[in-house]
Protein backbone atom coordinates (compact mmCIF):
# COMPACT_ATOMS: atom_id res chain seq x y z
CA MET A 1 50.25 -5.49 0.90
CA ALA A 2 46.49 -5.84 0.67
CA SER A 3 43.87 -6.38 3.33
CA ILE A 4 40.79 -8.50 2.70
CA SER A 5 37.80 -9.42 4.82
CA VAL A 6 36.62 -12.99 4.34
CA GLY A 7 33.75 -15.00 5.73
CA LYS A 8 33.64 -18.39 7.40
CA GLY A 9 34.32 -21.32 5.05
CA ASP A 10 36.80 -22.24 2.34
CA LEU A 11 39.28 -19.72 0.95
CA LEU A 12 40.98 -20.79 -2.31
CA VAL A 13 44.30 -19.19 -3.29
CA THR A 14 45.72 -19.87 -6.77
CA ILE A 15 49.19 -18.67 -7.76
CA LEU A 16 50.88 -18.97 -11.16
CA CYS A 17 54.61 -18.31 -11.03
CA THR A 18 57.95 -18.80 -12.75
CA GLY A 19 61.57 -17.93 -12.09
CA GLY A 20 62.54 -18.94 -8.54
CA SER A 21 60.52 -19.01 -5.33
CA LEU A 22 58.20 -16.70 -3.42
CA VAL A 23 56.82 -16.42 0.07
CA LEU A 24 53.07 -15.87 0.44
CA HIS A 25 52.06 -14.18 3.70
CA MET A 26 48.39 -14.41 4.70
CA GLU A 27 48.39 -13.15 8.27
CA PRO A 28 47.00 -14.56 10.56
CA VAL A 29 46.18 -17.66 8.45
CA SER A 30 49.42 -18.90 6.89
CA THR A 31 52.93 -18.16 5.59
CA THR A 32 54.00 -20.45 2.76
CA THR A 33 57.11 -20.73 0.59
CA ILE A 34 56.23 -21.63 -3.00
CA PRO A 35 58.82 -22.99 -5.46
CA CYS A 36 58.40 -21.56 -8.97
CA THR A 37 60.03 -23.51 -11.79
CA ILE A 38 62.52 -21.58 -13.93
CA GLY A 39 61.45 -21.62 -17.59
CA ALA A 40 57.92 -22.92 -16.96
CA VAL A 41 54.78 -21.66 -15.24
CA THR A 42 54.02 -23.45 -11.99
CA PRO A 43 50.35 -23.53 -10.86
CA VAL A 44 49.87 -23.79 -7.08
CA ARG A 45 46.50 -24.01 -5.33
CA ASN A 46 45.94 -23.82 -1.58
CA ASN A 47 42.63 -24.27 0.19
CA PHE A 48 42.21 -22.86 3.69
CA HIS A 49 39.16 -23.67 5.81
CA LEU A 50 38.30 -20.73 8.05
CA GLY A 51 36.22 -21.43 11.12
CA SER A 52 35.18 -17.79 11.50
CA PRO A 53 35.24 -14.53 9.51
CA LYS A 54 38.68 -12.86 9.40
CA ASP A 55 40.51 -9.77 8.23
CA ILE A 56 43.61 -11.03 6.40
CA SER A 57 46.73 -9.11 5.37
CA VAL A 58 48.11 -10.52 2.11
CA SER A 59 51.65 -9.89 0.83
CA VAL A 60 54.24 -11.61 -1.35
CA ASP A 61 58.04 -11.56 -1.05
CA ALA A 62 59.82 -12.62 -4.25
CA GLU A 63 63.14 -12.15 -5.99
CA ALA A 64 63.22 -9.79 -9.00
CA THR A 65 63.48 -12.81 -11.34
CA VAL A 66 60.13 -14.22 -10.23
CA ARG A 67 56.97 -13.44 -12.20
CA TRP A 68 53.70 -14.30 -10.51
CA ASN A 69 49.97 -13.65 -10.32
CA MET A 70 47.46 -14.60 -7.66
CA ARG A 71 43.72 -15.11 -7.38
CA ILE A 72 41.87 -15.38 -4.06
CA GLU A 73 38.33 -16.76 -4.07
CA GLN A 74 35.70 -17.58 -1.51
């Protein structure tokens, strides 16, 4: 788990994954299940508009077969 402090405005989350599915937790903003194709890399991008600055806890739950990376930008 990681904690980040973000400002008001757009928050872009990009995940590349393969091998099953994962659950992205961004509390208190969102919890999202992401399907990850087996045998190919799946790019997923989510844009969240934040109306005020927030402290966000970020974590990922995934099966051992899933390989993933994530980039968070503001």
